[in-house]
PDB file of N, CA and C in Angstrom:
ATOM      1  N   UNK A   1     -23.940  93.828 -60.829  1.00  0.00           N
ATOM      2  CA  UNK A   1     -23.344  92.540 -60.696  1.00  0.00           C
ATOM      3  C   UNK A   1     -23.229  92.104 -62.033  1.00  0.00           C
ATOM      4  N   UNK A   2     -22.027  91.626 -62.287  1.00  0.00           N
ATOM      5  CA  UNK A   2     -21.356  91.130 -63.258  1.00  0.00           C
ATOM      6  C   UNK A   2     -21.858  89.586 -63.766  1.00  0.00           C
ATOM      7  N   UNK A   3     -22.409  89.200 -65.024  1.00  0.00           N
ATOM      8  CA  UNK A   3     -22.928  87.861 -65.125  1.00  0.00           C
ATOM      9  C   UNK A   3     -21.648  86.873 -65.132  1.00  0.00           C
ATOM     10  N   UNK A   4     -22.001  85.728 -64.680  1.00  0.00           N
ATOM     11  CA  UNK A   4     -20.914  84.621 -64.846  1.00  0.00           C
ATOM     12  C   UNK A   4     -20.933  84.248 -66.099  1.00  0.00           C
ATOM     13  N   UNK A   5     -19.622  83.857 -66.474  1.00  0.00           N
ATOM     14  CA  UNK A   5     -19.452  83.265 -67.862  1.00  0.00           C
ATOM     15  C   UNK A   5     -20.021  81.836 -67.843  1.00  0.00           C
ATOM     16  N   UNK A   6     -20.595  81.617 -69.080  1.00  0.00           N
ATOM     17  CA  UNK A   6     -21.125  80.029 -69.208  1.00  0.00           C
ATOM     18  C   UNK A   6     -20.302  79.397 -70.262  1.00  0.00           C
ATOM     19  N   UNK A   7     -20.505  78.120 -70.311  1.00  0.00           N
ATOM     20  CA  UNK A   7     -19.869  77.321 -71.498  1.00  0.00           C
ATOM     21  C   UNK A   7     -21.014  76.585 -72.219  1.00  0.00           C
ATOM     22  N   UNK A   8     -20.646  75.865 -73.305  1.00  0.00           N
ATOM     23  CA  UNK A   8     -21.469  75.183 -73.818  1.00  0.00           C
ATOM     24  C   UNK A   8     -20.736  73.753 -73.852  1.00  0.00           C
ATOM     25  N   UNK A   9     -21.599  72.639 -73.283  1.00  0.00           N
ATOM     26  CA  UNK A   9     -21.171  71.299 -73.143  1.00  0.00           C
ATOM     27  C   UNK A   9     -22.059  70.348 -73.442  1.00  0.00           C
ATOM     28  N   UNK A  10     -21.597  69.189 -73.821  1.00  0.00           N
ATOM     29  CA  UNK A  10     -22.414  68.084 -74.242  1.00  0.00           C
ATOM     30  C   UNK A  10     -22.210  66.951 -73.199  1.00  0.00           C
ATOM     31  N   UNK A  11     -23.236  66.470 -72.869  1.00  0.00           N
ATOM     32  CA  UNK A  11     -23.236  65.418 -71.847  1.00  0.00           C
ATOM     33  C   UNK A  11     -23.720  64.179 -72.528  1.00  0.00           C
ATOM     34  N   UNK A  12     -22.901  63.052 -72.642  1.00  0.00           N
ATOM     35  CA  UNK A  12     -23.521  61.673 -73.168  1.00  0.00           C
ATOM     36  C   UNK A  12     -23.675  60.977 -71.907  1.00  0.00           C
ATOM     37  N   UNK A  13     -24.932  60.307 -72.072  1.00  0.00           N
ATOM     38  CA  UNK A  13     -25.560  59.491 -70.906  1.00  0.00           C
ATOM     39  C   UNK A  13     -26.113  58.081 -71.309  1.00  0.00           C
ATOM     40  N   UNK A  14     -25.585  57.200 -70.863  1.00  0.00           N
ATOM     41  CA  UNK A  14     -26.104  55.754 -71.070  1.00  0.00           C
ATOM     42  C   UNK A  14     -26.799  55.299 -69.759  1.00  0.00           C
ATOM     43  N   UNK A  15     -28.151  54.763 -70.272  1.00  0.00           N
ATOM     44  CA  UNK A  15     -29.079  54.174 -68.991  1.00  0.00           C
ATOM     45  C   UNK A  15     -29.138  52.736 -69.212  1.00  0.00           C
ATOM     46  N   UNK A  16     -28.283  52.028 -68.423  1.00  0.00           N
ATOM     47  CA  UNK A  16     -28.668  50.513 -68.419  1.00  0.00           C
ATOM     48  C   UNK A  16     -29.664  49.886 -67.516  1.00  0.00           C
ATOM     49  N   UNK A  17     -30.206  50.811 -66.566  1.00  0.00           N
ATOM     50  CA  UNK A  17     -31.313  50.263 -65.800  1.00  0.00           C
ATOM     51  C   UNK A  17     -32.513  50.903 -65.839  1.00  0.00           C
ATOM     52  N   UNK A  18     -33.630  50.622 -66.358  1.00  0.00           N
ATOM     53  CA  UNK A  18     -34.793  51.613 -66.871  1.00  0.00           C
ATOM     54  C   UNK A  18     -35.373  51.918 -65.574  1.00  0.00           C
ATOM     55  N   UNK A  19     -35.105  51.421 -64.315  1.00  0.00           N
ATOM     56  CA  UNK A  19     -35.537  51.891 -63.060  1.00  0.00           C
ATOM     57  C   UNK A  19     -35.071  53.422 -62.732  1.00  0.00           C
ATOM     58  N   UNK A  20     -33.956  53.824 -63.165  1.00  0.00           N
ATOM     59  CA  UNK A  20     -33.432  55.201 -62.877  1.00  0.00           C
ATOM     60  C   UNK A  20     -33.814  56.089 -63.885  1.00  0.00           C
ATOM     61  N   UNK A  21     -34.676  55.995 -64.779  1.00  0.00           N
ATOM     62  CA  UNK A  21     -35.075  56.891 -65.993  1.00  0.00           C
ATOM     63  C   UNK A  21     -35.865  58.055 -65.234  1.00  0.00           C
ATOM     64  N   UNK A  22     -36.687  57.692 -64.350  1.00  0.00           N
ATOM     65  CA  UNK A  22     -37.633  58.588 -63.699  1.00  0.00           C
ATOM     66  C   UNK A  22     -36.826  59.535 -62.808  1.00  0.00           C
ATOM     67  N   UNK A  23     -35.927  59.027 -62.213  1.00  0.00           N
ATOM     68  CA  UNK A  23     -34.959  60.005 -61.504  1.00  0.00           C
ATOM     69  C   UNK A  23     -34.074  60.723 -62.236  1.00  0.00           C
ATOM     70  N   UNK A  24     -33.618  60.130 -63.510  1.00  0.00           N
ATOM     71  CA  UNK A  24     -32.894  61.143 -64.477  1.00  0.00           C
ATOM     72  C   UNK A  24     -33.612  62.136 -64.674  1.00  0.00           C
ATOM     73  N   UNK A  25     -34.988  61.911 -65.220  1.00  0.00           N
ATOM     74  CA  UNK A  25     -35.590  63.002 -65.893  1.00  0.00           C
ATOM     75  C   UNK A  25     -35.863  64.040 -64.685  1.00  0.00           C
ATOM     76  N   UNK A  26     -36.211  63.753 -63.507  1.00  0.00           N
ATOM     77  CA  UNK A  26     -36.245  64.874 -62.418  1.00  0.00           C
ATOM     78  C   UNK A  26     -35.132  65.666 -62.438  1.00  0.00           C
ATOM     79  N   UNK A  27     -33.964  65.020 -62.286  1.00  0.00           N
ATOM     80  CA  UNK A  27     -32.483  65.735 -62.264  1.00  0.00           C
ATOM     81  C   UNK A  27     -32.435  66.824 -63.489  1.00  0.00           C
ATOM     82  N   UNK A  28     -32.693  66.300 -64.778  1.00  0.00           N
ATOM     83  CA  UNK A  28     -32.586  67.072 -66.119  1.00  0.00           C
ATOM     84  C   UNK A  28     -33.547  68.242 -65.849  1.00  0.00           C
ATOM     85  N   UNK A  29     -34.795  67.826 -65.393  1.00  0.00           N
ATOM     86  CA  UNK A  29     -35.754  69.073 -65.266  1.00  0.00           C
ATOM     87  C   UNK A  29     -35.223  70.102 -64.290  1.00  0.00           C
ATOM     88  N   UNK A  30     -34.458  69.936 -63.415  1.00  0.00           N
ATOM     89  CA  UNK A  30     -33.968  70.893 -62.528  1.00  0.00           C
ATOM     90  C   UNK A  30     -33.143  71.919 -63.322  1.00  0.00           C
ATOM     91  N   UNK A  31     -32.509  71.496 -64.335  1.00  0.00           N
ATOM     92  CA  UNK A  31     -31.634  72.267 -65.260  1.00  0.00           C
ATOM     93  C   UNK A  31     -32.086  72.336 -66.543  1.00  0.00           C
ATOM     94  N   UNK A  32     -33.404  72.663 -66.691  1.00  0.00           N
ATOM     95  CA  UNK A  32     -34.116  72.928 -67.925  1.00  0.00           C
ATOM     96  C   UNK A  32     -33.842  74.208 -68.412  1.00  0.00           C
ATOM     97  N   UNK A  33     -33.530  75.054 -67.479  1.00  0.00           N
ATOM     98  CA  UNK A  33     -33.191  76.542 -68.066  1.00  0.00           C
ATOM     99  C   UNK A  33     -31.974  76.621 -68.722  1.00  0.00           C
ATOM    100  N   UNK A  34     -31.016  75.700 -68.751  1.00  0.00           N
ATOM    101  CA  UNK A  34     -29.555  75.860 -69.252  1.00  0.00           C
ATOM    102  C   UNK A  34     -29.449  74.714 -70.256  1.00  0.00           C
ATOM    103  N   UNK A  35     -30.464  73.729 -70.513  1.00  0.00           N
ATOM    104  CA  UNK A  35     -30.682  72.904 -71.468  1.00  0.00           C
ATOM    105  C   UNK A  35     -31.003  73.489 -72.943  1.00  0.00           C
ATOM    106  N   UNK A  36     -29.912  73.438 -73.827  1.00  0.00           N
ATOM    107  CA  UNK A  36     -30.348  73.818 -75.242  1.00  0.00           C
ATOM    108  C   UNK A  36     -31.174  72.988 -75.892  1.00  0.00           C
ATOM    109  N   UNK A  37     -30.776  71.580 -75.795  1.00  0.00           N
ATOM    110  CA  UNK A  37     -31.284  70.451 -76.375  1.00  0.00           C
ATOM    111  C   UNK A  37     -31.193  68.991 -75.906  1.00  0.00           C
ATOM    112  N   UNK A  38     -32.064  67.931 -76.150  1.00  0.00           N
ATOM    113  CA  UNK A  38     -31.724  66.823 -75.754  1.00  0.00           C
ATOM    114  C   UNK A  38     -32.287  65.698 -76.694  1.00  0.00           C
ATOM    115  N   UNK A  39     -31.615  64.631 -76.823  1.00  0.00           N
ATOM    116  CA  UNK A  39     -31.909  63.624 -77.869  1.00  0.00           C
ATOM    117  C   UNK A  39     -31.699  62.254 -77.396  1.00  0.00           C
ATOM    118  N   UNK A  40     -32.954  61.410 -77.181  1.00  0.00           N
ATOM    119  CA  UNK A  40     -32.606  60.002 -76.794  1.00  0.00           C
ATOM    120  C   UNK A  40     -32.891  59.045 -77.727  1.00  0.00           C
ATOM    121  N   UNK A  41     -32.121  57.953 -77.487  1.00  0.00           N
ATOM    122  CA  UNK A  41     -32.418  56.789 -78.451  1.00  0.00           C
ATOM    123  C   UNK A  41     -32.287  55.431 -77.637  1.00  0.00           C
ATOM    124  N   UNK A  42     -33.591  54.723 -77.923  1.00  0.00           N
ATOM    125  CA  UNK A  42     -33.415  53.373 -77.447  1.00  0.00           C
ATOM    126  C   UNK A  42     -32.516  52.355 -78.124  1.00  0.00           C
ATOM    127  N   UNK A  43     -31.618  51.586 -77.444  1.00  0.00           N
ATOM    128  CA  UNK A  43     -30.904  50.647 -78.265  1.00  0.00           C
ATOM    129  C   UNK A  43     -31.394  49.283 -77.801  1.00  0.00           C
ATOM    130  N   UNK A  44     -32.544  48.707 -78.559  1.00  0.00           N
ATOM    131  CA  UNK A  44     -33.028  47.508 -78.158  1.00  0.00           C
ATOM    132  C   UNK A  44     -31.936  46.324 -78.027  1.00  0.00           C
ATOM    133  N   UNK A  45     -31.305  46.280 -79.043  1.00  0.00           N
ATOM    134  CA  UNK A  45     -30.330  45.257 -79.108  1.00  0.00           C
ATOM    135  C   UNK A  45     -29.419  44.848 -77.671  1.00  0.00           C
ATOM    136  N   UNK A  46     -29.100  46.181 -77.047  1.00  0.00           N
ATOM    137  CA  UNK A  46     -28.389  45.807 -75.922  1.00  0.00           C
ATOM    138  C   UNK A  46     -29.197  46.260 -74.777  1.00  0.00           C
ATOM    139  N   UNK A  47     -30.470  46.606 -74.964  1.00  0.00           N
ATOM    140  CA  UNK A  47     -31.556  46.916 -73.933  1.00  0.00           C
ATOM    141  C   UNK A  47     -30.880  48.065 -73.028  1.00  0.00           C
ATOM    142  N   UNK A  48     -30.395  49.053 -73.658  1.00  0.00           N
ATOM    143  CA  UNK A  48     -29.914  50.408 -73.061  1.00  0.00           C
ATOM    144  C   UNK A  48     -30.514  51.677 -73.773  1.00  0.00           C
ATOM    145  N   UNK A  49     -30.633  52.770 -73.100  1.00  0.00           N
ATOM    146  CA  UNK A  49     -30.764  54.055 -73.667  1.00  0.00           C
ATOM    147  C   UNK A  49     -29.703  55.050 -74.033  1.00  0.00           C
ATOM    148  N   UNK A  50     -29.530  55.639 -74.882  1.00  0.00           N
ATOM    149  CA  UNK A  50     -28.573  56.506 -75.159  1.00  0.00           C
ATOM    150  C   UNK A  50     -29.008  57.868 -75.243  1.00  0.00           C
ATOM    151  N   UNK A  51     -28.696  59.054 -74.268  1.00  0.00           N
ATOM    152  CA  UNK A  51     -29.192  60.189 -74.436  1.00  0.00           C
ATOM    153  C   UNK A  51     -27.985  61.180 -74.646  1.00  0.00           C
ATOM    154  N   UNK A  52     -28.389  62.224 -75.352  1.00  0.00           N
ATOM    155  CA  UNK A  52     -27.364  63.263 -75.324  1.00  0.00           C
ATOM    156  C   UNK A  52     -28.021  64.859 -74.950  1.00  0.00           C
ATOM    157  N   UNK A  53     -27.348  65.467 -74.109  1.00  0.00           N
ATOM    158  CA  UNK A  53     -27.827  66.807 -73.608  1.00  0.00           C
ATOM    159  C   UNK A  53     -26.936  67.788 -73.943  1.00  0.00           C
ATOM    160  N   UNK A  54     -27.395  68.765 -74.523  1.00  0.00           N
ATOM    161  CA  UNK A  54     -26.646  70.041 -74.965  1.00  0.00           C
ATOM    162  C   UNK A  54     -27.014  70.962 -74.041  1.00  0.00           C
ATOM    163  N   UNK A  55     -25.963  71.679 -73.090  1.00  0.00           N
ATOM    164  CA  UNK A  55     -26.358  72.938 -72.390  1.00  0.00           C
ATOM    165  C   UNK A  55     -25.395  74.006 -72.551  1.00  0.00           C
ATOM    166  N   UNK A  56     -25.950  75.319 -72.122  1.00  0.00           N
ATOM    167  CA  UNK A  56     -25.185  76.510 -71.895  1.00  0.00           C
ATOM    168  C   UNK A  56     -25.344  76.779 -70.685  1.00  0.00           C
ATOM    169  N   UNK A  57     -24.316  76.780 -69.681  1.00  0.00           N
ATOM    170  CA  UNK A  57     -24.408  76.959 -68.377  1.00  0.00           C
ATOM    171  C   UNK A  57     -23.043  77.163 -67.724  1.00  0.00           C
ATOM    172  N   UNK A  58     -23.152  77.758 -66.504  1.00  0.00           N
ATOM    173  CA  UNK A  58     -21.822  77.672 -65.901  1.00  0.00           C
ATOM    174  C   UNK A  58     -21.246  76.649 -65.323  1.00  0.00           C
ATOM    175  N   UNK A  59     -19.991  76.741 -65.575  1.00  0.00           N
ATOM    176  CA  UNK A  59     -19.110  75.245 -65.244  1.00  0.00           C
ATOM    177  C   UNK A  59     -19.490  74.473 -64.051  1.00  0.00           C
ATOM    178  N   UNK A  60     -19.828  75.452 -62.926  1.00  0.00           N
ATOM    179  CA  UNK A  60     -20.169  74.442 -61.612  1.00  0.00           C
ATOM    180  C   UNK A  60     -21.504  73.754 -61.902  1.00  0.00           C
ATOM    181  N   UNK A  61     -22.458  74.566 -62.675  1.00  0.00           N
ATOM    182  CA  UNK A  61     -23.666  74.070 -62.863  1.00  0.00           C
ATOM    183  C   UNK A  61     -23.668  72.551 -63.501  1.00  0.00           C
ATOM    184  N   UNK A  62     -22.782  72.579 -64.588  1.00  0.00           N
ATOM    185  CA  UNK A  62     -22.653  71.470 -65.576  1.00  0.00           C
ATOM    186  C   UNK A  62     -21.840  70.451 -64.804  1.00  0.00           C
ATOM    187  N   UNK A  63     -20.951  70.582 -63.889  1.00  0.00           N
ATOM    188  CA  UNK A  63     -20.265  69.683 -63.078  1.00  0.00           C
ATOM    189  C   UNK A  63     -21.160  68.875 -61.918  1.00  0.00           C
ATOM    190  N   UNK A  64     -22.256  70.062 -61.536  1.00  0.00           N
ATOM    191  CA  UNK A  64     -23.101  69.395 -60.332  1.00  0.00           C
ATOM    192  C   UNK A  64     -24.030  68.366 -61.009  1.00  0.00           C
ATOM    193  N   UNK A  65     -24.494  68.948 -62.325  1.00  0.00           N
ATOM    194  CA  UNK A  65     -25.516  68.008 -62.931  1.00  0.00           C
ATOM    195  C   UNK A  65     -24.795  66.585 -63.380  1.00  0.00           C
ATOM    196  N   UNK A  66     -23.769  66.562 -63.870  1.00  0.00           N
ATOM    197  CA  UNK A  66     -22.902  65.304 -64.120  1.00  0.00           C
ATOM    198  C   UNK A  66     -22.686  64.488 -62.770  1.00  0.00           C
ATOM    199  N   UNK A  67     -22.531  64.976 -61.581  1.00  0.00           N
ATOM    200  CA  UNK A  67     -22.539  64.478 -60.686  1.00  0.00           C
ATOM    201  C   UNK A  67     -23.454  63.890 -60.039  1.00  0.00           C
ATOM    202  N   UNK A  68     -24.797  64.655 -60.257  1.00  0.00           N
ATOM    203  CA  UNK A  68     -26.050  63.794 -59.847  1.00  0.00           C
ATOM    204  C   UNK A  68     -26.544  62.641 -60.854  1.00  0.00           C
ATOM    205  N   UNK A  69     -26.078  62.944 -62.078  1.00  0.00           N
ATOM    206  CA  UNK A  69     -26.329  61.799 -63.005  1.00  0.00           C
ATOM    207  C   UNK A  69     -25.652  60.685 -62.774  1.00  0.00           C
ATOM    208  N   UNK A  70     -24.255  61.064 -62.393  1.00  0.00           N
ATOM    209  CA  UNK A  70     -23.206  59.709 -62.147  1.00  0.00           C
ATOM    210  C   UNK A  70     -23.557  59.029 -61.012  1.00  0.00           C
ATOM    211  N   UNK A  71     -24.320  59.473 -59.987  1.00  0.00           N
ATOM    212  CA  UNK A  71     -24.774  58.712 -58.627  1.00  0.00           C
ATOM    213  C   UNK A  71     -25.925  57.911 -59.080  1.00  0.00           C
ATOM    214  N   UNK A  72     -26.741  57.915 -59.933  1.00  0.00           N
ATOM    215  CA  UNK A  72     -27.763  57.003 -60.209  1.00  0.00           C
ATOM    216  C   UNK A  72     -27.245  55.732 -60.484  1.00  0.00           C
ATOM    217  N   UNK A  73     -28.096  54.660 -60.072  1.00  0.00           N
ATOM    218  CA  UNK A  73     -27.700  53.453 -60.233  1.00  0.00           C
ATOM    219  C   UNK A  73     -28.006  53.079 -61.756  1.00  0.00           C
ATOM    220  N   UNK A  74     -27.014  52.326 -62.520  1.00  0.00           N
ATOM    221  CA  UNK A  74     -26.975  51.871 -63.730  1.00  0.00           C
ATOM    222  C   UNK A  74     -27.076  53.059 -64.622  1.00  0.00           C
ATOM    223  N   UNK A  75     -26.443  54.318 -64.489  1.00  0.00           N
ATOM    224  CA  UNK A  75     -26.428  55.472 -65.385  1.00  0.00           C
ATOM    225  C   UNK A  75     -24.898  55.765 -65.323  1.00  0.00           C
ATOM    226  N   UNK A  76     -24.375  55.946 -66.643  1.00  0.00           N
ATOM    227  CA  UNK A  76     -23.006  56.646 -66.776  1.00  0.00           C
ATOM    228  C   UNK A  76     -23.190  57.793 -67.696  1.00  0.00           C
ATOM    229  N   UNK A  77     -22.077  58.733 -67.456  1.00  0.00           N
ATOM    230  CA  UNK A  77     -22.292  59.669 -68.216  1.00  0.00           C
ATOM    231  C   UNK A  77     -20.852  60.568 -68.296  1.00  0.00           C
ATOM    232  N   UNK A  78     -20.615  61.229 -69.291  1.00  0.00           N
ATOM    233  CA  UNK A  78     -19.288  62.076 -69.748  1.00  0.00           C
ATOM    234  C   UNK A  78     -19.788  63.358 -70.331  1.00  0.00           C
ATOM    235  N   UNK A  79     -18.915  64.459 -69.918  1.00  0.00           N
ATOM    236  CA  UNK A  79     -19.293  65.677 -70.449  1.00  0.00           C
ATOM    237  C   UNK A  79     -17.979  65.977 -71.319  1.00  0.00           C
ATOM    238  N   UNK A  80     -18.405  66.650 -72.347  1.00  0.00           N
ATOM    239  CA  UNK A  80     -17.213  67.447 -73.171  1.00  0.00           C
ATOM    240  C   UNK A  80     -17.724  68.929 -73.175  1.00  0.00           C
ATOM    241  N   UNK A  81     -16.668  69.899 -73.046  1.00  0.00           N
ATOM    242  CA  UNK A  81     -16.872  71.136 -72.958  1.00  0.00           C
ATOM    243  C   UNK A  81     -16.380  71.907 -74.244  1.00  0.00           C
ATOM    244  N   UNK A  82     -16.983  72.978 -74.657  1.00  0.00           N
ATOM    245  CA  UNK A  82     -16.570  73.906 -75.609  1.00  0.00           C
ATOM    246  C   UNK A  82     -15.528  74.624 -75.074  1.00  0.00           C
ATOM    247  N   UNK A  83     -14.383  75.285 -75.866  1.00  0.00           N
ATOM    248  CA  UNK A  83     -13.757  76.236 -75.483  1.00  0.00           C
ATOM    249  C   UNK A  83     -14.015  77.734 -75.367  1.00  0.00           C
ATOM    250  N   UNK A  84     -15.139  77.854 -75.726  1.00  0.00           N
ATOM    251  CA  UNK A  84     -15.701  79.288 -75.943  1.00  0.00           C
ATOM    252  C   UNK A  84     -16.891  79.509 -74.875  1.00  0.00           C
TER     253      UNK A  84
END
């Protein structure tokens, strides 16, 4: 069986409602096998958290993760994909 092609992507996440952090962490843990790294920074001045997640996964998995994150209340995200 041929392995499916993966892509490297960066997902930028902004959390405006702290009540959604637990659900976000559950979702990210579902994708832990394809996450290369993650960095989160609180921005107290605006009372938000900024998170960057870097992954190497199939396009469908990345899109699925972005969709799940986007459905969380008070959480927004955008993905940028590599061309390789």
